[in-house]
C-alpha atoms as a PDB file:
ATOM      1  CA  MET A   1       0.061  -0.058   0.002  1.00  0.00           C
ATOM      2  CA  LYS A   2       2.923   2.610   1.013  1.00  0.00           C
ATOM      3  CA  LYS A   3       4.578   1.539  -2.316  1.00  0.00           C
ATOM      4  CA  SER A   4       1.334   2.346  -4.393  1.00  0.00           C
ATOM      5  CA  ILE A   5       1.026   5.980  -2.497  1.00  0.00           C
ATOM      6  CA  ILE A   6       4.559   6.925  -2.723  1.00  0.00           C
ATOM      7  CA  GLY A   7       4.187   5.587  -6.719  1.00  0.00           C
ATOM      8  CA  VAL A   8       1.033   7.615  -7.187  1.00  0.00           C
ATOM      9  CA  SER A   9       2.713  10.684  -5.238  1.00  0.00           C
ATOM     10  CA  ILE A  10       5.916  10.520  -7.887  1.00  0.00           C
ATOM     11  CA  VAL A  11       3.428  10.243 -11.004  1.00  0.00           C
ATOM     12  CA  ILE A  12       1.419  13.199  -9.739  1.00  0.00           C
ATOM     13  CA  VAL A  13       4.407  15.380  -9.142  1.00  0.00           C
ATOM     14  CA  GLY A  14       5.851  14.578 -12.501  1.00  0.00           C
ATOM     15  CA  ILE A  15       2.601  15.372 -14.347  1.00  0.00           C
ATOM     16  CA  VAL A  16       2.461  18.403 -12.354  1.00  0.00           C
ATOM     17  CA  PHE A  17       6.141  19.343 -13.534  1.00  0.00           C
ATOM     18  CA  ILE A  18       5.697  18.437 -17.093  1.00  0.00           C
ATOM     19  CA  ILE A  19       2.357  20.511 -17.190  1.00  0.00           C
ATOM     20  CA  ALA A  20       4.020  23.459 -15.373  1.00  0.00           C
ATOM     21  CA  THR A  21       6.992  23.122 -17.949  1.00  0.00           C
ATOM     22  CA  LEU A  22       4.642  23.583 -20.563  1.00  0.00           C
ATOM     23  CA  ILE A  23       2.773  26.470 -19.350  1.00  0.00           C
ATOM     24  CA  VAL A  24       6.329  28.283 -18.653  1.00  0.00           C
ATOM     25  CA  GLY A  25       7.280  27.474 -22.163  1.00  0.00           C
ATOM     26  CA  LYS A  26       4.429  28.838 -23.662  1.00  0.00           C
ATOM     27  CA  ASN A  27       4.442  32.279 -21.697  1.00  0.00           C
ATOM     28  CA  ASP A  28       8.300  32.609 -22.241  1.00  0.00           C
ATOM     29  CA  LYS A  29       7.652  35.181 -24.669  1.00  0.00           C
ATOM     30  CA  GLU A  30       5.907  37.292 -22.090  1.00  0.00           C
ATOM     31  CA  GLY A  31       8.288  36.391 -19.235  1.00  0.00           C
ATOM     32  CA  MET A  32       9.261  39.226 -17.199  1.00  0.00           C
ATOM     33  CA  LEU A  33      12.917  38.127 -16.915  1.00  0.00           C
ATOM     34  CA  LYS A  34      14.643  36.234 -19.671  1.00  0.00           C
ATOM     35  CA  ILE A  35      18.033  34.900 -19.402  1.00  0.00           C
ATOM     36  CA  ILE A  36      19.842  33.602 -22.511  1.00  0.00           C
ATOM     37  CA  SER A  37      23.257  32.704 -23.137  1.00  0.00           C
ATOM     38  CA  ASP A  38      24.554  34.805 -26.261  1.00  0.00           C
ATOM     39  CA  ASN A  39      27.974  35.568 -25.450  1.00  0.00           C
ATOM     40  CA  ALA A  40      26.702  37.352 -22.578  1.00  0.00           C
ATOM     41  CA  ASP A  41      26.789  36.524 -19.012  1.00  0.00           C
ATOM     42  CA  LEU A  42      23.281  37.260 -18.652  1.00  0.00           C
ATOM     43  CA  GLN A  43      20.536  38.774 -21.037  1.00  0.00           C
ATOM     44  CA  VAL A  44      17.359  40.610 -19.237  1.00  0.00           C
ATOM     45  CA  LYS A  45      14.202  41.764 -21.077  1.00  0.00           C
ATOM     46  CA  ASP A  46      12.524  45.155 -19.891  1.00  0.00           C
ATOM     47  CA  PHE A  47      15.795  46.134 -17.848  1.00  0.00           C
ATOM     48  CA  HIS A  48      15.538  48.586 -14.892  1.00  0.00           C
ATOM     49  CA  TYR A  49      18.333  49.930 -12.718  1.00  0.00           C
ATOM     50  CA  THR A  50      18.848  52.640 -10.287  1.00  0.00           C
ATOM     51  CA  GLU A  51      22.132  53.758  -8.997  1.00  0.00           C
ATOM     52  CA  VAL A  52      21.818  55.491  -5.741  1.00  0.00           C
ATOM     53  CA  GLY A  53      25.173  55.522  -4.028  1.00  0.00           C
ATOM     54  CA  ASP A  54      26.151  58.921  -5.258  1.00  0.00           C
ATOM     55  CA  SER A  55      24.789  62.011  -3.101  1.00  0.00           C
ATOM     56  CA  GLU A  56      25.311  64.429  -6.194  1.00  0.00           C
ATOM     57  CA  VAL A  57      23.508  62.305  -8.823  1.00  0.00           C
ATOM     58  CA  VAL A  58      21.009  59.493  -8.720  1.00  0.00           C
ATOM     59  CA  TRP A  59      20.632  57.739 -12.152  1.00  0.00           C
ATOM     60  CA  GLU A  60      18.564  55.026 -13.640  1.00  0.00           C
ATOM     61  CA  ILE A  61      18.689  53.152 -16.760  1.00  0.00           C
ATOM     62  CA  ASN A  62      15.648  51.158 -18.578  1.00  0.00           C
ATOM     63  CA  ALA A  63      16.178  49.433 -21.809  1.00  0.00           C
ATOM     64  CA  ASP A  64      14.400  46.833 -23.823  1.00  0.00           C
ATOM     65  CA  THR A  65      17.067  44.311 -23.458  1.00  0.00           C
ATOM     66  CA  ALA A  66      20.398  44.274 -21.458  1.00  0.00           C
ATOM     67  CA  GLN A  67      23.313  41.851 -21.811  1.00  0.00           C
ATOM     68  CA  TYR A  68      25.984  41.865 -18.983  1.00  0.00           C
ATOM     69  CA  PHE A  69      29.562  40.616 -19.574  1.00  0.00           C
ATOM     70  CA  ARG A  70      31.562  39.995 -16.804  1.00  0.00           C
ATOM     71  CA  SER A  71      34.904  39.749 -18.307  1.00  0.00           C
ATOM     72  CA  GLU A  72      34.608  43.114 -19.965  1.00  0.00           C
ATOM     73  CA  SER A  73      32.825  44.794 -16.979  1.00  0.00           C
ATOM     74  CA  ARG A  74      30.034  46.279 -19.166  1.00  0.00           C
ATOM     75  CA  ALA A  75      26.447  46.129 -19.733  1.00  0.00           C
ATOM     76  CA  ALA A  76      25.113  46.529 -23.266  1.00  0.00           C
ATOM     77  CA  PHE A  77      21.561  48.068 -23.907  1.00  0.00           C
ATOM     78  CA  LYS A  78      18.939  48.282 -26.637  1.00  0.00           C
ATOM     79  CA  ASN A  79      16.456  50.994 -26.944  1.00  0.00           C
ATOM     80  CA  VAL A  80      17.944  52.659 -23.687  1.00  0.00           C
ATOM     81  CA  ARG A  81      16.548  55.681 -21.286  1.00  0.00           C
ATOM     82  CA  VAL A  82      18.647  57.137 -18.902  1.00  0.00           C
ATOM     83  CA  LYS A  83      17.318  59.601 -16.323  1.00  0.00           C
ATOM     84  CA  LEU A  84      19.971  61.762 -14.123  1.00  0.00           C
ATOM     85  CA  ILE A  85      18.757  63.264 -11.057  1.00  0.00           C
ATOM     86  CA  THR A  86      21.020  65.952  -9.412  1.00  0.00           C
ATOM     87  CA  SER A  87      21.147  66.934  -5.650  1.00  0.00           C
ATOM     88  CA  ASP A  88      19.336  69.937  -6.421  1.00  0.00           C
ATOM     89  CA  GLY A  89      16.505  68.674  -8.386  1.00  0.00           C
ATOM     90  CA  LYS A  90      17.630  68.846 -11.650  1.00  0.00           C
ATOM     91  CA  ILE A  91      16.289  66.054 -14.291  1.00  0.00           C
ATOM     92  CA  TYR A  92      18.163  64.957 -17.543  1.00  0.00           C
ATOM     93  CA  PHE A  93      16.600  62.353 -19.683  1.00  0.00           C
ATOM     94  CA  MET A  94      18.839  60.487 -22.316  1.00  0.00           C
ATOM     95  CA  THR A  95      17.395  58.015 -25.012  1.00  0.00           C
ATOM     96  CA  GLY A  96      19.022  56.162 -27.740  1.00  0.00           C
ATOM     97  CA  ASP A  97      18.886  53.145 -29.863  1.00  0.00           C
ATOM     98  CA  ALA A  98      21.835  51.390 -27.823  1.00  0.00           C
ATOM     99  CA  GLY A  99      24.000  51.930 -24.752  1.00  0.00           C
ATOM    100  CA  ARG A 100      26.791  50.554 -22.806  1.00  0.00           C
ATOM    101  CA  LEU A 101      27.491  50.967 -18.980  1.00  0.00           C
ATOM    102  CA  ASN A 102      31.167  50.251 -17.721  1.00  0.00           C
ATOM    103  CA  THR A 103      30.248  48.562 -14.272  1.00  0.00           C
ATOM    104  CA  GLU A 104      33.641  49.662 -13.015  1.00  0.00           C
ATOM    105  CA  THR A 105      33.732  53.119 -13.653  1.00  0.00           C
ATOM    106  CA  LYS A 106      30.067  53.386 -13.776  1.00  0.00           C
ATOM    107  CA  ASP A 107      30.422  55.448 -17.384  1.00  0.00           C
ATOM    108  CA  ILE A 108      27.145  55.510 -19.788  1.00  0.00           C
ATOM    109  CA  GLU A 109      27.536  55.760 -23.571  1.00  0.00           C
ATOM    110  CA  VAL A 110      24.199  56.264 -25.535  1.00  0.00           C
ATOM    111  CA  HIS A 111      24.482  55.867 -29.438  1.00  0.00           C
ATOM    112  CA  GLY A 112      21.989  56.313 -32.188  1.00  0.00           C
ATOM    113  CA  ASN A 113      19.559  58.861 -32.338  1.00  0.00           C
ATOM    114  CA  VAL A 114      20.291  60.000 -29.295  1.00  0.00           C
ATOM    115  CA  VAL A 115      18.261  62.845 -27.416  1.00  0.00           C
ATOM    116  CA  VAL A 116      18.938  64.662 -23.950  1.00  0.00           C
ATOM    117  CA  THR A 117      16.302  66.597 -22.730  1.00  0.00           C
ATOM    118  CA  SER A 118      16.096  68.480 -19.582  1.00  0.00           C
ATOM    119  CA  ASP A 119      13.268  69.421 -16.896  1.00  0.00           C
ATOM    120  CA  SER A 120      14.224  73.207 -18.085  1.00  0.00           C
ATOM    121  CA  ASN A 121      13.059  72.177 -21.673  1.00  0.00           C
ATOM    122  CA  ASP A 122      16.397  72.238 -23.156  1.00  0.00           C
ATOM    123  CA  ARG A 123      16.541  69.622 -26.128  1.00  0.00           C
ATOM    124  CA  PHE A 124      19.800  68.027 -27.434  1.00  0.00           C
ATOM    125  CA  GLU A 125      20.387  65.544 -30.598  1.00  0.00           C
ATOM    126  CA  SER A 126      23.234  64.054 -31.573  1.00  0.00           C
ATOM    127  CA  ASP A 127      24.288  60.499 -32.612  1.00  0.00           C
ATOM    128  CA  ASP A 128      26.352  59.817 -29.662  1.00  0.00           C
ATOM    129  CA  ILE A 129      26.408  60.945 -25.950  1.00  0.00           C
ATOM    130  CA  SER A 130      28.213  60.047 -22.930  1.00  0.00           C
ATOM    131  CA  TYR A 131      27.894  60.419 -19.152  1.00  0.00           C
ATOM    132  CA  LEU A 132      30.979  60.437 -17.122  1.00  0.00           C
ATOM    133  CA  TYR A 133      30.093  59.527 -13.581  1.00  0.00           C
ATOM    134  CA  ARG A 134      33.435  60.574 -12.172  1.00  0.00           C
ATOM    135  CA  ASP A 135      33.335  64.198 -13.802  1.00  0.00           C
ATOM    136  CA  LYS A 136      29.197  64.319 -13.286  1.00  0.00           C
ATOM    137  CA  ARG A 137      29.465  65.409 -16.883  1.00  0.00           C
ATOM    138  CA  ILE A 138      27.371  64.722 -19.888  1.00  0.00           C
ATOM    139  CA  PHE A 139      29.683  65.283 -23.210  1.00  0.00           C
ATOM    140  CA  THR A 140      29.946  64.293 -27.201  1.00  0.00           C
ATOM    141  CA  ASP A 141      32.346  65.343 -29.378  1.00  0.00           C
ATOM    142  CA  SER A 142      29.895  64.552 -32.296  1.00  0.00           C
ATOM    143  CA  PRO A 143      27.807  67.066 -34.015  1.00  0.00           C
ATOM    144  CA  VAL A 144      25.018  68.465 -31.780  1.00  0.00           C
ATOM    145  CA  ALA A 145      21.637  70.222 -32.273  1.00  0.00           C
ATOM    146  CA  MET A 146      20.409  72.030 -29.007  1.00  0.00           C
ATOM    147  CA  GLU A 147      16.914  73.728 -28.740  1.00  0.00           C
ATOM    148  CA  ASN A 148      15.347  75.881 -26.017  1.00  0.00           C
ATOM    149  CA  GLN A 149      12.733  78.542 -25.903  1.00  0.00           C
ATOM    150  CA  GLY A 150      13.013  80.196 -29.052  1.00  0.00           C
ATOM    151  CA  ILE A 151      16.769  79.194 -30.019  1.00  0.00           C
ATOM    152  CA  ARG A 152      18.301  76.647 -31.819  1.00  0.00           C
ATOM    153  CA  VAL A 153      21.828  76.104 -31.963  1.00  0.00           C
ATOM    154  CA  LYS A 154      24.230  73.750 -33.776  1.00  0.00           C
ATOM    155  CA  GLY A 155      27.780  72.930 -33.216  1.00  0.00           C
ATOM    156  CA  LYS A 156      30.405  70.242 -32.946  1.00  0.00           C
ATOM    157  CA  GLY A 157      31.026  69.048 -29.133  1.00  0.00           C
ATOM    158  CA  LEU A 158      28.927  69.489 -26.133  1.00  0.00           C
ATOM    159  CA  SER A 159      29.942  69.299 -22.549  1.00  0.00           C
ATOM    160  CA  ILE A 160      27.179  69.687 -19.667  1.00  0.00           C
ATOM    161  CA  SER A 161      28.903  69.917 -16.290  1.00  0.00           C
ATOM    162  CA  ILE A 162      26.331  68.649 -13.814  1.00  0.00           C
ATOM    163  CA  LYS A 163      28.584  69.589 -10.797  1.00  0.00           C
ATOM    164  CA  ASP A 164      29.018  73.323 -12.004  1.00  0.00           C
ATOM    165  CA  ASN A 165      25.629  73.906 -13.844  1.00  0.00           C
ATOM    166  CA  ARG A 166      27.594  74.775 -17.043  1.00  0.00           C
ATOM    167  CA  LEU A 167      26.842  73.982 -20.656  1.00  0.00           C
ATOM    168  CA  ALA A 168      29.181  74.701 -23.431  1.00  0.00           C
ATOM    169  CA  LEU A 169      29.054  73.740 -27.121  1.00  0.00           C
ATOM    170  CA  LEU A 170      32.633  73.509 -28.288  1.00  0.00           C
ATOM    171  CA  SER A 171      33.305  74.565 -31.850  1.00  0.00           C
ATOM    172  CA  ASN A 172      31.414  75.292 -35.265  1.00  0.00           C
ATOM    173  CA  VAL A 173      28.678  77.075 -33.140  1.00  0.00           C
ATOM    174  CA  LYS A 174      25.576  78.555 -35.365  1.00  0.00           C
ATOM    175  CA  ALA A 175      22.330  79.841 -33.693  1.00  0.00           C
ATOM    176  CA  THR A 176      19.118  80.940 -34.879  1.00  0.00           C
ATOM    177  CA  ILE A 177      16.679  82.654 -33.055  1.00  0.00           C
ATOM    178  CA  LEU A 178      13.095  81.369 -33.514  1.00  0.00           C
ATOM    179  CA  ASN A 179       9.776  83.305 -33.481  1.00  0.00           C
ATOM    180  CA  TRP A 180      11.581  86.784 -33.810  1.00  0.00           C
END
């Protein structure tokens, strides 16, 4: 009798395991966390990360997918959105097609159709923009377009110092006053 109860229990557990595996397999496309081996140590869908270890700037990264490469100390993102919040309450948003985070230095690079906006309605567009964690600086050496409250400025290179609250377009600067 005991052997038959144990046997039936094992069969029931096996059936439940098979059904659960089939259900999880069907919902895998909708899963909240997906781990895939694709030359990366870890790949995650619908990625969200918040860095709160710095008193001057808190930042968040959201991406459609993130891959972590442990040996290179980096993470790579697709359709990345970065939010930087300064200690004095200023907010900067950076979006782009792809991005990278150096997990040791905490530097962030965003590439492809990059747009940076601020809570004071500044808007910057470029092919690539980086955030240097140590310097608290957003920068690029690429061509950049800036627009804010009736003025459009184009140039090559951009530096925004979050520490000093300073913005500079570095060369070939041309400005257009809108609605004048």
